[in-house]
C-alpha atoms as a PDB file:
ATOM      1  CA  MET A   1     -61.797   3.914 -76.734  1.00  0.00           C
ATOM      2  CA  LYS A   2     -58.654   2.256 -75.434  1.00  0.00           C
ATOM      3  CA  ARG A   3     -56.591   5.264 -76.549  1.00  0.00           C
ATOM      4  CA  ALA A   4     -58.910   7.641 -74.676  1.00  0.00           C
ATOM      5  CA  ALA A   5     -58.608   5.568 -71.496  1.00  0.00           C
ATOM      6  CA  LEU A   6     -54.828   5.584 -71.753  1.00  0.00           C
ATOM      7  CA  ALA A   7     -54.812   9.389 -72.213  1.00  0.00           C
ATOM      8  CA  VAL A   8     -56.980   9.886 -69.128  1.00  0.00           C
ATOM      9  CA  ALA A   9     -54.752   7.570 -67.075  1.00  0.00           C
ATOM     10  CA  ALA A  10     -51.624   9.438 -68.191  1.00  0.00           C
ATOM     11  CA  ALA A  11     -53.176  12.788 -67.286  1.00  0.00           C
ATOM     12  CA  LEU A  12     -54.136  11.532 -63.834  1.00  0.00           C
ATOM     13  CA  ALA A  13     -50.632  10.149 -63.278  1.00  0.00           C
ATOM     14  CA  ALA A  14     -49.071  13.478 -64.231  1.00  0.00           C
ATOM     15  CA  ALA A  15     -51.468  15.444 -62.051  1.00  0.00           C
ATOM     16  CA  GLY A  16     -50.882  13.201 -59.040  1.00  0.00           C
ATOM     17  CA  PRO A  17     -47.397  14.432 -58.078  1.00  0.00           C
ATOM     18  CA  LEU A  18     -48.434  18.036 -58.699  1.00  0.00           C
ATOM     19  CA  ALA A  19     -51.427  17.701 -56.412  1.00  0.00           C
ATOM     20  CA  ALA A  20     -49.291  15.997 -53.787  1.00  0.00           C
ATOM     21  CA  GLN A  21     -46.734  18.803 -54.011  1.00  0.00           C
ATOM     22  CA  GLN A  22     -49.467  21.405 -53.583  1.00  0.00           C
ATOM     23  CA  ASP A  23     -50.862  19.518 -50.579  1.00  0.00           C
ATOM     24  CA  THR A  24     -47.490  19.583 -48.828  1.00  0.00           C
ATOM     25  CA  VAL A  25     -47.258  23.377 -49.054  1.00  0.00           C
ATOM     26  CA  PRO A  26     -49.795  25.162 -46.826  1.00  0.00           C
ATOM     27  CA  GLN A  27     -51.890  27.806 -48.562  1.00  0.00           C
ATOM     28  CA  GLY A  28     -50.619  31.343 -47.960  1.00  0.00           C
ATOM     29  CA  ARG A  29     -46.993  30.305 -47.347  1.00  0.00           C
ATOM     30  CA  VAL A  30     -45.679  30.284 -50.902  1.00  0.00           C
ATOM     31  CA  HIS A  31     -44.219  33.104 -52.978  1.00  0.00           C
ATOM     32  CA  VAL A  32     -44.170  32.822 -56.759  1.00  0.00           C
ATOM     33  CA  VAL A  33     -41.007  34.533 -57.963  1.00  0.00           C
ATOM     34  CA  ARG A  34     -41.423  37.527 -60.259  1.00  0.00           C
ATOM     35  CA  ARG A  35     -38.799  39.122 -62.467  1.00  0.00           C
ATOM     36  CA  GLY A  36     -36.415  41.207 -60.358  1.00  0.00           C
ATOM     37  CA  ASP A  37     -37.088  39.406 -57.051  1.00  0.00           C
ATOM     38  CA  THR A  38     -34.150  38.552 -54.772  1.00  0.00           C
ATOM     39  CA  LEU A  39     -34.021  36.612 -51.516  1.00  0.00           C
ATOM     40  CA  TRP A  40     -32.933  39.847 -49.822  1.00  0.00           C
ATOM     41  CA  ASP A  41     -36.111  41.587 -51.060  1.00  0.00           C
ATOM     42  CA  LEU A  42     -38.352  38.671 -50.088  1.00  0.00           C
ATOM     43  CA  ALA A  43     -36.939  38.599 -46.554  1.00  0.00           C
ATOM     44  CA  ARG A  44     -37.598  42.323 -46.248  1.00  0.00           C
ATOM     45  CA  GLN A  45     -41.147  41.896 -47.600  1.00  0.00           C
ATOM     46  CA  TYR A  46     -42.240  38.866 -45.606  1.00  0.00           C
ATOM     47  CA  LEU A  47     -39.947  38.779 -42.559  1.00  0.00           C
ATOM     48  CA  ALA A  48     -39.463  42.549 -42.120  1.00  0.00           C
ATOM     49  CA  ASP A  49     -35.697  41.972 -42.013  1.00  0.00           C
ATOM     50  CA  PRO A  50     -33.615  41.490 -45.189  1.00  0.00           C
ATOM     51  CA  PHE A  51     -30.846  39.832 -43.160  1.00  0.00           C
ATOM     52  CA  LEU A  52     -33.138  36.824 -42.640  1.00  0.00           C
ATOM     53  CA  TRP A  53     -32.889  35.762 -46.295  1.00  0.00           C
ATOM     54  CA  PRO A  54     -30.999  32.552 -45.293  1.00  0.00           C
ATOM     55  CA  ASP A  55     -34.200  31.395 -43.532  1.00  0.00           C
ATOM     56  CA  ILE A  56     -36.001  31.386 -46.889  1.00  0.00           C
ATOM     57  CA  PHE A  57     -33.018  29.893 -48.714  1.00  0.00           C
ATOM     58  CA  ARG A  58     -32.747  26.951 -46.283  1.00  0.00           C
ATOM     59  CA  LEU A  59     -36.393  26.031 -46.895  1.00  0.00           C
ATOM     60  CA  ASN A  60     -35.927  25.971 -50.666  1.00  0.00           C
ATOM     61  CA  THR A  61     -32.610  24.251 -51.356  1.00  0.00           C
ATOM     62  CA  ASP A  62     -34.493  21.762 -53.539  1.00  0.00           C
ATOM     63  CA  VAL A  63     -35.453  24.669 -55.820  1.00  0.00           C
ATOM     64  CA  VAL A  64     -32.668  27.225 -55.320  1.00  0.00           C
ATOM     65  CA  SER A  65     -29.097  26.021 -55.702  1.00  0.00           C
ATOM     66  CA  ASN A  66     -27.522  29.492 -55.749  1.00  0.00           C
ATOM     67  CA  PRO A  67     -29.010  32.170 -53.454  1.00  0.00           C
ATOM     68  CA  ALA A  68     -27.893  34.854 -55.904  1.00  0.00           C
ATOM     69  CA  ARG A  69     -30.096  33.376 -58.628  1.00  0.00           C
ATOM     70  CA  ILE A  70     -33.842  32.906 -58.320  1.00  0.00           C
ATOM     71  CA  TYR A  71     -35.991  32.759 -61.431  1.00  0.00           C
ATOM     72  CA  PRO A  72     -39.543  33.795 -62.380  1.00  0.00           C
ATOM     73  CA  ASN A  73     -42.336  31.295 -61.603  1.00  0.00           C
ATOM     74  CA  GLU A  74     -40.303  29.403 -59.003  1.00  0.00           C
ATOM     75  CA  ARG A  75     -42.478  28.619 -55.970  1.00  0.00           C
ATOM     76  CA  LEU A  76     -40.616  29.415 -52.751  1.00  0.00           C
ATOM     77  CA  VAL A  77     -41.860  28.182 -49.391  1.00  0.00           C
ATOM     78  CA  LEU A  78     -41.883  30.862 -46.692  1.00  0.00           C
ATOM     79  CA  PRO A  79     -41.123  30.325 -42.990  1.00  0.00           C
ATOM     80  CA  GLY A  80     -44.081  29.331 -40.815  1.00  0.00           C
ATOM     81  CA  GLY A  81     -46.461  32.025 -39.673  1.00  0.00           C
ATOM     82  CA  VAL A  82     -45.792  34.288 -42.654  1.00  0.00           C
ATOM     83  CA  ALA A  83     -48.783  35.584 -44.537  1.00  0.00           C
ATOM     84  CA  VAL A  84     -48.307  36.270 -48.236  1.00  0.00           C
ATOM     85  CA  SER A  85     -48.843  39.961 -48.878  1.00  0.00           C
ATOM     86  CA  GLN A  86     -51.151  40.962 -51.683  1.00  0.00           C
ATOM     87  CA  ARG A  87     -49.790  42.843 -54.656  1.00  0.00           C
ATOM     88  CA  GLU A  88     -51.543  46.010 -55.752  1.00  0.00           C
ATOM     89  CA  SER A  89     -54.481  45.396 -58.045  1.00  0.00           C
ATOM     90  CA  GLU A  90     -53.957  46.265 -61.686  1.00  0.00           C
ATOM     91  CA  HIS A  91     -57.624  47.226 -62.126  1.00  0.00           C
ATOM     92  CA  THR A  92     -58.492  50.903 -62.499  1.00  0.00           C
ATOM     93  CA  VAL A  93     -60.424  52.312 -59.544  1.00  0.00           C
ATOM     94  CA  PHE A  94     -62.984  55.060 -60.278  1.00  0.00           C
ATOM     95  CA  TYR A  95     -64.155  57.513 -57.618  1.00  0.00           C
ATOM     96  CA  ASN A  96     -67.368  59.483 -57.481  1.00  0.00           C
ATOM     97  CA  GLN A  97     -66.966  63.157 -58.251  1.00  0.00           C
ATOM     98  CA  GLY A  98     -68.170  64.094 -54.794  1.00  0.00           C
ATOM     99  CA  GLN A  99     -65.834  61.699 -52.961  1.00  0.00           C
ATOM    100  CA  ARG A 100     -63.221  63.548 -50.917  1.00  0.00           C
ATOM    101  CA  SER A 101     -59.612  62.503 -51.451  1.00  0.00           C
ATOM    102  CA  THR A 102     -56.977  62.374 -48.733  1.00  0.00           C
ATOM    103  CA  ASP A 103     -54.649  65.354 -48.616  1.00  0.00           C
ATOM    104  CA  LEU A 104     -51.282  64.468 -50.211  1.00  0.00           C
ATOM    105  CA  ASN A 105     -49.297  66.019 -47.380  1.00  0.00           C
ATOM    106  CA  THR A 106     -51.199  63.859 -44.892  1.00  0.00           C
ATOM    107  CA  VAL A 107     -50.354  60.733 -46.879  1.00  0.00           C
ATOM    108  CA  LEU A 108     -46.678  61.661 -47.132  1.00  0.00           C
ATOM    109  CA  GLU A 109     -46.446  62.463 -43.430  1.00  0.00           C
ATOM    110  CA  ALA A 110     -48.098  59.159 -42.478  1.00  0.00           C
ATOM    111  CA  ASN A 111     -45.700  57.300 -44.757  1.00  0.00           C
ATOM    112  CA  ARG A 112     -42.662  59.022 -43.232  1.00  0.00           C
ATOM    113  CA  ALA A 113     -43.860  58.102 -39.745  1.00  0.00           C
ATOM    114  CA  ASN A 114     -43.518  54.402 -40.569  1.00  0.00           C
ATOM    115  CA  TYR A 115     -39.784  54.677 -41.189  1.00  0.00           C
ATOM    116  CA  PRO A 116     -36.861  55.487 -38.896  1.00  0.00           C
ATOM    117  CA  VAL A 117     -35.189  58.881 -39.247  1.00  0.00           C
ATOM    118  CA  VAL A 118     -31.889  57.108 -39.952  1.00  0.00           C
ATOM    119  CA  ARG A 119     -31.719  54.597 -42.779  1.00  0.00           C
ATOM    120  CA  GLN A 120     -30.319  51.178 -41.961  1.00  0.00           C
ATOM    121  CA  GLY A 121     -28.003  51.463 -44.942  1.00  0.00           C
ATOM    122  CA  ASP A 122     -26.471  54.643 -43.523  1.00  0.00           C
ATOM    123  CA  PHE A 123     -26.046  53.070 -40.089  1.00  0.00           C
ATOM    124  CA  TYR A 124     -24.179  50.020 -41.399  1.00  0.00           C
ATOM    125  CA  ALA A 125     -22.205  51.801 -44.142  1.00  0.00           C
ATOM    126  CA  ALA A 126     -20.917  54.769 -42.151  1.00  0.00           C
ATOM    127  CA  GLY A 127     -17.350  54.756 -40.932  1.00  0.00           C
ATOM    128  CA  TYR A 128     -16.777  55.325 -37.246  1.00  0.00           C
ATOM    129  CA  VAL A 129     -14.025  56.203 -34.796  1.00  0.00           C
ATOM    130  CA  ALA A 130     -13.126  53.793 -31.986  1.00  0.00           C
ATOM    131  CA  ARG A 131     -10.072  52.638 -30.113  1.00  0.00           C
ATOM    132  CA  ASP A 132      -8.612  49.277 -31.095  1.00  0.00           C
ATOM    133  CA  ASN A 133      -9.699  47.650 -27.820  1.00  0.00           C
ATOM    134  CA  GLU A 134     -13.308  48.743 -28.445  1.00  0.00           C
ATOM    135  CA  VAL A 135     -13.564  46.687 -31.646  1.00  0.00           C
ATOM    136  CA  ALA A 136     -14.368  43.014 -30.966  1.00  0.00           C
ATOM    137  CA  MET A 137     -12.532  41.161 -33.737  1.00  0.00           C
ATOM    138  CA  LEU A 138     -13.864  37.683 -34.558  1.00  0.00           C
ATOM    139  CA  ALA A 139     -11.838  36.779 -37.641  1.00  0.00           C
ATOM    140  CA  ARG A 140     -10.178  38.033 -40.802  1.00  0.00           C
ATOM    141  CA  VAL A 141     -11.286  37.637 -44.398  1.00  0.00           C
ATOM    142  CA  ALA A 142      -8.987  34.967 -45.854  1.00  0.00           C
ATOM    143  CA  GLU A 143     -10.034  34.516 -49.486  1.00  0.00           C
ATOM    144  CA  VAL A 144     -13.004  34.248 -51.808  1.00  0.00           C
ATOM    145  CA  ILE A 145     -14.162  30.731 -52.657  1.00  0.00           C
ATOM    146  CA  SER A 146     -13.521  30.725 -56.410  1.00  0.00           C
ATOM    147  CA  PRO A 147     -11.552  27.635 -57.447  1.00  0.00           C
ATOM    148  CA  SER A 148     -10.364  27.584 -61.053  1.00  0.00           C
ATOM    149  CA  VAL A 149      -8.067  25.434 -63.175  1.00  0.00           C
ATOM    150  CA  VAL A 150      -7.092  28.567 -65.096  1.00  0.00           C
ATOM    151  CA  PRO A 151      -4.093  30.393 -63.558  1.00  0.00           C
ATOM    152  CA  LEU A 152      -5.128  33.860 -62.399  1.00  0.00           C
ATOM    153  CA  SER A 153      -2.758  36.819 -62.371  1.00  0.00           C
ATOM    154  CA  ARG A 154      -4.636  38.317 -59.421  1.00  0.00           C
ATOM    155  CA  ALA A 155      -7.247  37.263 -56.902  1.00  0.00           C
ATOM    156  CA  PRO A 156     -10.879  37.439 -58.105  1.00  0.00           C
ATOM    157  CA  THR A 157     -12.947  40.427 -57.025  1.00  0.00           C
ATOM    158  CA  ILE A 158     -15.389  39.688 -54.218  1.00  0.00           C
ATOM    159  CA  GLN A 159     -19.026  40.403 -55.090  1.00  0.00           C
ATOM    160  CA  VAL A 160     -22.399  40.221 -53.342  1.00  0.00           C
ATOM    161  CA  TYR A 161     -23.473  36.589 -52.671  1.00  0.00           C
ATOM    162  CA  ASP A 162     -19.899  35.347 -53.020  1.00  0.00           C
ATOM    163  CA  LYS A 163     -18.701  32.908 -50.390  1.00  0.00           C
ATOM    164  CA  VAL A 164     -15.509  33.755 -48.537  1.00  0.00           C
ATOM    165  CA  PHE A 165     -13.328  31.916 -46.047  1.00  0.00           C
ATOM    166  CA  LEU A 166     -12.848  33.557 -42.653  1.00  0.00           C
ATOM    167  CA  ALA A 167      -9.833  32.767 -40.474  1.00  0.00           C
ATOM    168  CA  ALA A 168     -11.222  32.874 -36.930  1.00  0.00           C
ATOM    169  CA  ASP A 169      -9.324  34.732 -34.234  1.00  0.00           C
ATOM    170  CA  SER A 170      -8.053  32.717 -31.276  1.00  0.00           C
ATOM    171  CA  GLY A 171     -10.878  32.246 -28.785  1.00  0.00           C
ATOM    172  CA  ALA A 172     -13.534  33.801 -31.038  1.00  0.00           C
ATOM    173  CA  ARG A 173     -16.953  32.145 -31.091  1.00  0.00           C
ATOM    174  CA  ILE A 174     -18.596  31.993 -34.512  1.00  0.00           C
ATOM    175  CA  ALA A 175     -21.736  29.978 -35.240  1.00  0.00           C
ATOM    176  CA  ILE A 176     -23.751  29.162 -38.343  1.00  0.00           C
ATOM    177  CA  GLY A 177     -26.328  31.874 -38.948  1.00  0.00           C
ATOM    178  CA  ASP A 178     -24.321  34.639 -37.274  1.00  0.00           C
ATOM    179  CA  ARG A 179     -24.392  37.975 -39.052  1.00  0.00           C
ATOM    180  CA  VAL A 180     -21.028  39.696 -39.236  1.00  0.00           C
ATOM    181  CA  GLN A 181     -19.557  42.878 -40.639  1.00  0.00           C
ATOM    182  CA  PHE A 182     -16.297  43.307 -42.518  1.00  0.00           C
ATOM    183  CA  VAL A 183     -14.343  46.445 -41.594  1.00  0.00           C
ATOM    184  CA  ARG A 184     -11.012  47.910 -42.625  1.00  0.00           C
ATOM    185  CA  PRO A 185      -8.811  49.778 -40.142  1.00  0.00           C
ATOM    186  CA  GLY A 186      -7.929  53.273 -41.312  1.00  0.00           C
ATOM    187  CA  ARG A 187      -5.979  56.262 -40.083  1.00  0.00           C
ATOM    188  CA  VAL A 188      -5.531  57.128 -36.401  1.00  0.00           C
ATOM    189  CA  LEU A 189      -7.084  60.302 -34.969  1.00  0.00           C
ATOM    190  CA  GLU A 190      -4.939  61.406 -32.057  1.00  0.00           C
ATOM    191  CA  GLY A 191      -6.889  61.320 -28.817  1.00  0.00           C
ATOM    192  CA  PHE A 192      -9.965  59.588 -30.268  1.00  0.00           C
ATOM    193  CA  GLY A 193      -8.958  56.283 -31.822  1.00  0.00           C
ATOM    194  CA  ARG A 194      -8.887  54.825 -35.294  1.00  0.00           C
ATOM    195  CA  VAL A 195     -11.204  55.310 -38.262  1.00  0.00           C
ATOM    196  CA  TRP A 196     -12.930  52.021 -39.128  1.00  0.00           C
ATOM    197  CA  LEU A 197     -14.411  51.662 -42.611  1.00  0.00           C
ATOM    198  CA  PRO A 198     -17.173  49.055 -43.150  1.00  0.00           C
ATOM    199  CA  THR A 199     -16.813  47.095 -46.376  1.00  0.00           C
ATOM    200  CA  ALA A 200     -19.588  44.477 -46.240  1.00  0.00           C
ATOM    201  CA  LEU A 201     -22.165  42.504 -44.279  1.00  0.00           C
ATOM    202  CA  ALA A 202     -22.204  38.703 -44.383  1.00  0.00           C
ATOM    203  CA  THR A 203     -23.949  35.660 -42.930  1.00  0.00           C
ATOM    204  CA  VAL A 204     -21.972  32.679 -41.621  1.00  0.00           C
ATOM    205  CA  ALA A 205     -22.960  29.582 -43.602  1.00  0.00           C
ATOM    206  CA  ALA A 206     -20.531  26.970 -42.235  1.00  0.00           C
ATOM    207  CA  VAL A 207     -17.912  26.500 -39.530  1.00  0.00           C
ATOM    208  CA  ASP A 208     -15.045  24.005 -39.690  1.00  0.00           C
ATOM    209  CA  GLY A 209     -12.696  24.325 -36.739  1.00  0.00           C
ATOM    210  CA  GLY A 210     -10.928  27.659 -36.986  1.00  0.00           C
ATOM    211  CA  THR A 211     -12.304  28.395 -40.452  1.00  0.00           C
ATOM    212  CA  ALA A 212     -15.748  29.765 -41.241  1.00  0.00           C
ATOM    213  CA  THR A 213     -17.537  30.231 -44.551  1.00  0.00           C
ATOM    214  CA  ALA A 214     -19.625  33.375 -44.971  1.00  0.00           C
ATOM    215  CA  VAL A 215     -21.935  34.633 -47.724  1.00  0.00           C
ATOM    216  CA  VAL A 216     -21.590  38.328 -48.564  1.00  0.00           C
ATOM    217  CA  ILE A 217     -25.064  39.898 -48.490  1.00  0.00           C
ATOM    218  CA  ARG A 218     -24.327  43.613 -48.769  1.00  0.00           C
ATOM    219  CA  MET A 219     -21.270  45.588 -49.862  1.00  0.00           C
ATOM    220  CA  TYR A 220     -20.267  49.148 -49.039  1.00  0.00           C
ATOM    221  CA  ALA A 221     -16.722  49.122 -50.442  1.00  0.00           C
ATOM    222  CA  GLN A 222     -14.309  46.693 -52.050  1.00  0.00           C
ATOM    223  CA  VAL A 223     -13.759  43.671 -49.790  1.00  0.00           C
ATOM    224  CA  ASN A 224     -10.134  42.578 -49.517  1.00  0.00           C
ATOM    225  CA  PRO A 225      -8.409  39.654 -47.802  1.00  0.00           C
ATOM    226  CA  GLY A 226      -7.259  40.878 -44.424  1.00  0.00           C
ATOM    227  CA  ASP A 227     -10.401  42.875 -43.663  1.00  0.00           C
ATOM    228  CA  LEU A 228     -11.453  42.340 -40.057  1.00  0.00           C
ATOM    229  CA  VAL A 229     -14.663  40.523 -39.143  1.00  0.00           C
ATOM    230  CA  VAL A 230     -16.704  41.952 -36.257  1.00  0.00           C
ATOM    231  CA  PRO A 231     -20.208  41.303 -34.855  1.00  0.00           C
ATOM    232  CA  VAL A 232     -23.091  43.203 -36.444  1.00  0.00           C
ATOM    233  CA  ALA A 233     -24.618  45.798 -34.139  1.00  0.00           C
ATOM    234  CA  ASP A 234     -28.404  45.845 -33.816  1.00  0.00           C
ATOM    235  CA  PHE A 235     -30.063  48.748 -35.626  1.00  0.00           C
ATOM    236  CA  PRO A 236     -30.937  51.124 -32.757  1.00  0.00           C
ATOM    237  CA  VAL A 237     -33.396  53.567 -34.342  1.00  0.00           C
ATOM    238  CA  PRO A 238     -37.113  52.743 -33.891  1.00  0.00           C
ATOM    239  CA  ASN A 239     -39.898  53.669 -36.294  1.00  0.00           C
ATOM    240  CA  ASN A 240     -42.335  56.464 -35.487  1.00  0.00           C
ATOM    241  CA  VAL A 241     -39.777  58.373 -33.377  1.00  0.00           C
ATOM    242  CA  ARG A 242     -38.506  61.799 -34.362  1.00  0.00           C
ATOM    243  CA  PRO A 243     -35.935  64.075 -32.704  1.00  0.00           C
ATOM    244  CA  ALA A 244     -37.292  67.015 -30.709  1.00  0.00           C
ATOM    245  CA  ALA A 245     -35.799  70.487 -30.375  1.00  0.00           C
ATOM    246  CA  SER A 246     -32.845  70.549 -28.004  1.00  0.00           C
ATOM    247  CA  THR A 247     -30.116  72.982 -26.974  1.00  0.00           C
ATOM    248  CA  GLY A 248     -27.016  72.927 -24.831  1.00  0.00           C
ATOM    249  CA  LEU A 249     -24.711  70.203 -26.127  1.00  0.00           C
ATOM    250  CA  GLN A 250     -21.798  71.452 -28.221  1.00  0.00           C
ATOM    251  CA  GLY A 251     -18.798  69.813 -29.845  1.00  0.00           C
ATOM    252  CA  ARG A 252     -16.636  70.089 -32.931  1.00  0.00           C
ATOM    253  CA  ILE A 253     -15.764  68.273 -36.125  1.00  0.00           C
ATOM    254  CA  VAL A 254     -12.560  66.260 -35.694  1.00  0.00           C
ATOM    255  CA  ALA A 255     -12.330  64.604 -39.134  1.00  0.00           C
ATOM    256  CA  PHE A 256     -14.222  63.410 -42.186  1.00  0.00           C
ATOM    257  CA  GLN A 257     -14.571  59.851 -43.427  1.00  0.00           C
ATOM    258  CA  ARG A 258     -13.237  61.005 -46.797  1.00  0.00           C
ATOM    259  CA  PRO A 259     -10.900  63.931 -46.127  1.00  0.00           C
ATOM    260  CA  HIS A 260     -11.624  65.992 -49.239  1.00  0.00           C
ATOM    261  CA  PRO A 261     -10.915  69.726 -49.075  1.00  0.00           C
ATOM    262  CA  LEU A 262     -14.515  70.461 -50.119  1.00  0.00           C
ATOM    263  CA  GLN A 263     -17.206  68.407 -48.398  1.00  0.00           C
ATOM    264  CA  ALA A 264     -20.711  67.896 -49.819  1.00  0.00           C
ATOM    265  CA  ASN A 265     -24.098  66.528 -48.794  1.00  0.00           C
ATOM    266  CA  GLU A 266     -24.132  62.837 -47.786  1.00  0.00           C
ATOM    267  CA  GLU A 267     -20.498  62.873 -46.622  1.00  0.00           C
ATOM    268  CA  ILE A 268     -19.729  61.631 -43.098  1.00  0.00           C
ATOM    269  CA  ALA A 269     -18.217  63.903 -40.433  1.00  0.00           C
ATOM    270  CA  PHE A 270     -16.829  62.650 -37.125  1.00  0.00           C
ATOM    271  CA  LEU A 271     -17.778  64.637 -34.010  1.00  0.00           C
ATOM    272  CA  ASP A 272     -15.985  64.674 -30.649  1.00  0.00           C
ATOM    273  CA  VAL A 273     -19.183  63.903 -28.710  1.00  0.00           C
ATOM    274  CA  GLY A 274     -20.632  60.412 -28.410  1.00  0.00           C
ATOM    275  CA  ARG A 275     -22.527  58.037 -26.172  1.00  0.00           C
ATOM    276  CA  GLN A 276     -20.866  59.398 -23.037  1.00  0.00           C
ATOM    277  CA  ALA A 277     -22.314  62.834 -23.829  1.00  0.00           C
ATOM    278  CA  GLY A 278     -25.814  61.434 -24.419  1.00  0.00           C
ATOM    279  CA  VAL A 279     -25.693  61.507 -28.216  1.00  0.00           C
ATOM    280  CA  LYS A 280     -28.002  59.067 -30.045  1.00  0.00           C
ATOM    281  CA  GLU A 281     -28.483  57.996 -33.638  1.00  0.00           C
ATOM    282  CA  GLY A 282     -30.943  60.462 -35.176  1.00  0.00           C
ATOM    283  CA  ASP A 283     -29.756  63.551 -33.274  1.00  0.00           C
ATOM    284  CA  VAL A 284     -29.343  66.675 -35.406  1.00  0.00           C
ATOM    285  CA  PHE A 285     -26.387  69.064 -35.115  1.00  0.00           C
ATOM    286  CA  GLU A 286     -25.833  72.477 -36.642  1.00  0.00           C
ATOM    287  CA  VAL A 287     -22.400  73.540 -37.914  1.00  0.00           C
ATOM    288  CA  PHE A 288     -21.624  77.242 -37.563  1.00  0.00           C
ATOM    289  CA  LEU A 289     -18.864  79.813 -37.752  1.00  0.00           C
ATOM    290  CA  PRO A 290     -18.747  81.610 -34.380  1.00  0.00           C
ATOM    291  CA  ARG A 291     -18.883  85.352 -33.867  1.00  0.00           C
ATOM    292  CA  THR A 292     -15.562  86.922 -34.734  1.00  0.00           C
ATOM    293  CA  GLN A 293     -14.070  90.327 -34.089  1.00  0.00           C
ATOM    294  CA  ARG A 294     -12.995  92.077 -37.291  1.00  0.00           C
ATOM    295  CA  ASP A 295     -11.259  95.392 -37.959  1.00  0.00           C
ATOM    296  CA  TRP A 296     -14.592  96.828 -38.961  1.00  0.00           C
ATOM    297  CA  GLY A 297     -16.501  95.393 -35.988  1.00  0.00           C
ATOM    298  CA  THR A 298     -18.066  92.081 -34.892  1.00  0.00           C
ATOM    299  CA  ARG A 299     -18.996  89.552 -37.550  1.00  0.00           C
ATOM    300  CA  SER A 300     -22.144  87.695 -36.544  1.00  0.00           C
ATOM    301  CA  GLU A 301     -22.378  83.912 -36.308  1.00  0.00           C
ATOM    302  CA  ILE A 302     -22.786  82.242 -39.711  1.00  0.00           C
ATOM    303  CA  PRO A 303     -24.728  78.953 -40.110  1.00  0.00           C
ATOM    304  CA  VAL A 304     -22.785  76.545 -42.316  1.00  0.00           C
ATOM    305  CA  GLY A 305     -24.862  73.359 -42.437  1.00  0.00           C
ATOM    306  CA  ARG A 306     -26.676  70.549 -40.629  1.00  0.00           C
ATOM    307  CA  LEU A 307     -25.660  67.016 -39.724  1.00  0.00           C
ATOM    308  CA  GLN A 308     -27.663  63.981 -38.624  1.00  0.00           C
ATOM    309  CA  VAL A 309     -25.994  61.368 -36.459  1.00  0.00           C
ATOM    310  CA  VAL A 310     -26.091  57.910 -38.061  1.00  0.00           C
ATOM    311  CA  LYS A 311     -23.753  56.007 -35.712  1.00  0.00           C
ATOM    312  CA  VAL A 312     -22.491  56.568 -32.170  1.00  0.00           C
ATOM    313  CA  THR A 313     -19.474  55.170 -30.331  1.00  0.00           C
ATOM    314  CA  GLN A 314     -18.394  55.783 -26.775  1.00  0.00           C
ATOM    315  CA  GLY A 315     -16.613  59.068 -27.418  1.00  0.00           C
ATOM    316  CA  THR A 316     -17.516  60.076 -30.976  1.00  0.00           C
ATOM    317  CA  ALA A 317     -20.401  60.273 -33.425  1.00  0.00           C
ATOM    318  CA  SER A 318     -20.579  59.736 -37.179  1.00  0.00           C
ATOM    319  CA  ALA A 319     -22.902  62.324 -38.726  1.00  0.00           C
ATOM    320  CA  ARG A 320     -24.173  62.612 -42.301  1.00  0.00           C
ATOM    321  CA  ILE A 321     -24.169  66.055 -43.894  1.00  0.00           C
ATOM    322  CA  THR A 322     -27.822  66.681 -44.758  1.00  0.00           C
ATOM    323  CA  HIS A 323     -27.728  70.363 -45.662  1.00  0.00           C
ATOM    324  CA  LEU A 324     -25.056  72.884 -46.583  1.00  0.00           C
ATOM    325  CA  GLU A 325     -25.735  76.599 -46.481  1.00  0.00           C
ATOM    326  CA  GLN A 326     -22.117  77.560 -47.139  1.00  0.00           C
ATOM    327  CA  PRO A 327     -19.319  75.549 -48.808  1.00  0.00           C
ATOM    328  CA  ALA A 328     -17.211  76.143 -45.730  1.00  0.00           C
ATOM    329  CA  ILE A 329     -17.538  73.056 -43.546  1.00  0.00           C
ATOM    330  CA  ALA A 330     -14.130  72.017 -42.207  1.00  0.00           C
ATOM    331  CA  VAL A 331     -12.293  70.166 -39.455  1.00  0.00           C
ATOM    332  CA  GLY A 332     -12.285  72.065 -36.177  1.00  0.00           C
ATOM    333  CA  GLN A 333     -15.569  73.874 -36.716  1.00  0.00           C
ATOM    334  CA  PRO A 334     -17.961  73.951 -33.748  1.00  0.00           C
ATOM    335  CA  VAL A 335     -21.294  72.126 -33.774  1.00  0.00           C
ATOM    336  CA  ARG A 336     -24.291  72.269 -31.468  1.00  0.00           C
ATOM    337  CA  ARG A 337     -27.200  69.887 -31.066  1.00  0.00           C
ATOM    338  CA  VAL A 338     -30.491  71.393 -32.212  1.00  0.00           C
ATOM    339  CA  ALA A 339     -32.668  68.253 -32.048  1.00  0.00           C
ATOM    340  CA  ALA A 340     -32.329  65.133 -29.898  1.00  0.00           C
ATOM    341  CA  MET A 341     -33.928  61.699 -29.992  1.00  0.00           C
ATOM    342  CA  PRO A 342     -35.980  60.808 -26.899  1.00  0.00           C
END
């Protein structure tokens, strides 16, 4: 009898802290980690913005010591006002034979309407052309935080979720929580400016005088010490908005982000028309070979391909090649806008 009483008392003592822990976490504000989850994914799922992952991390420092590592069955508290979304049921659903199903094309069209015509990844990863005085430099990447007692023949490679030191520029204002972009200056295009190549996105985690610590949250190329740090531009393309047919505006291709002799789909072309000409992210341009007089007569215009603008600066636009009809796209070719965002 005494042993049974002791067992009951021990069970109650063990259950007490667990019950207290559950009481301190409001129902509907906890996510139980599943295999494959990341803080980036959870911020996208619950906060509709993957860049807000530090908000979840700060609430769970007692559970998560390294934001790059979260493990199954960990219970993560979510920021206030967030409702936990329900996962799809694993039960099989049976329909009556006479029940009408939704047309697949209707479902696909409705799904497409909920997303912007330009992907955020394309907007932040695309290189762009701008003059040096148009790029607001905040700092430079100094080095990755990777102390070691073992002598290294070369600096360690910077990876996602690594922490790096930033050497702030004189007069620059950097605060904890700021989102920044790392860019690398490239070649100069005469008359237009310099090609700037994004390498990563990061969140500022600490500031100590003229030095800041940032956590790399997304990489687009190898990050190197000396890369410039600039503010992150807001994503400008809304959901549920599509470009409409448009004519009139013409320009030309002045360069490619990667100057290969043969360009392919998904490559970035730089156009000589930008914000000043009314170009917006999402606009569609057609590349063509103009009518040409030959010995045998007049050769008609030849469509070459289509481009969609993913980033706009004052005088230029960065456009992704979405379709190639001829393997003949090249610098100097004319383009015309065939669809414009409202």
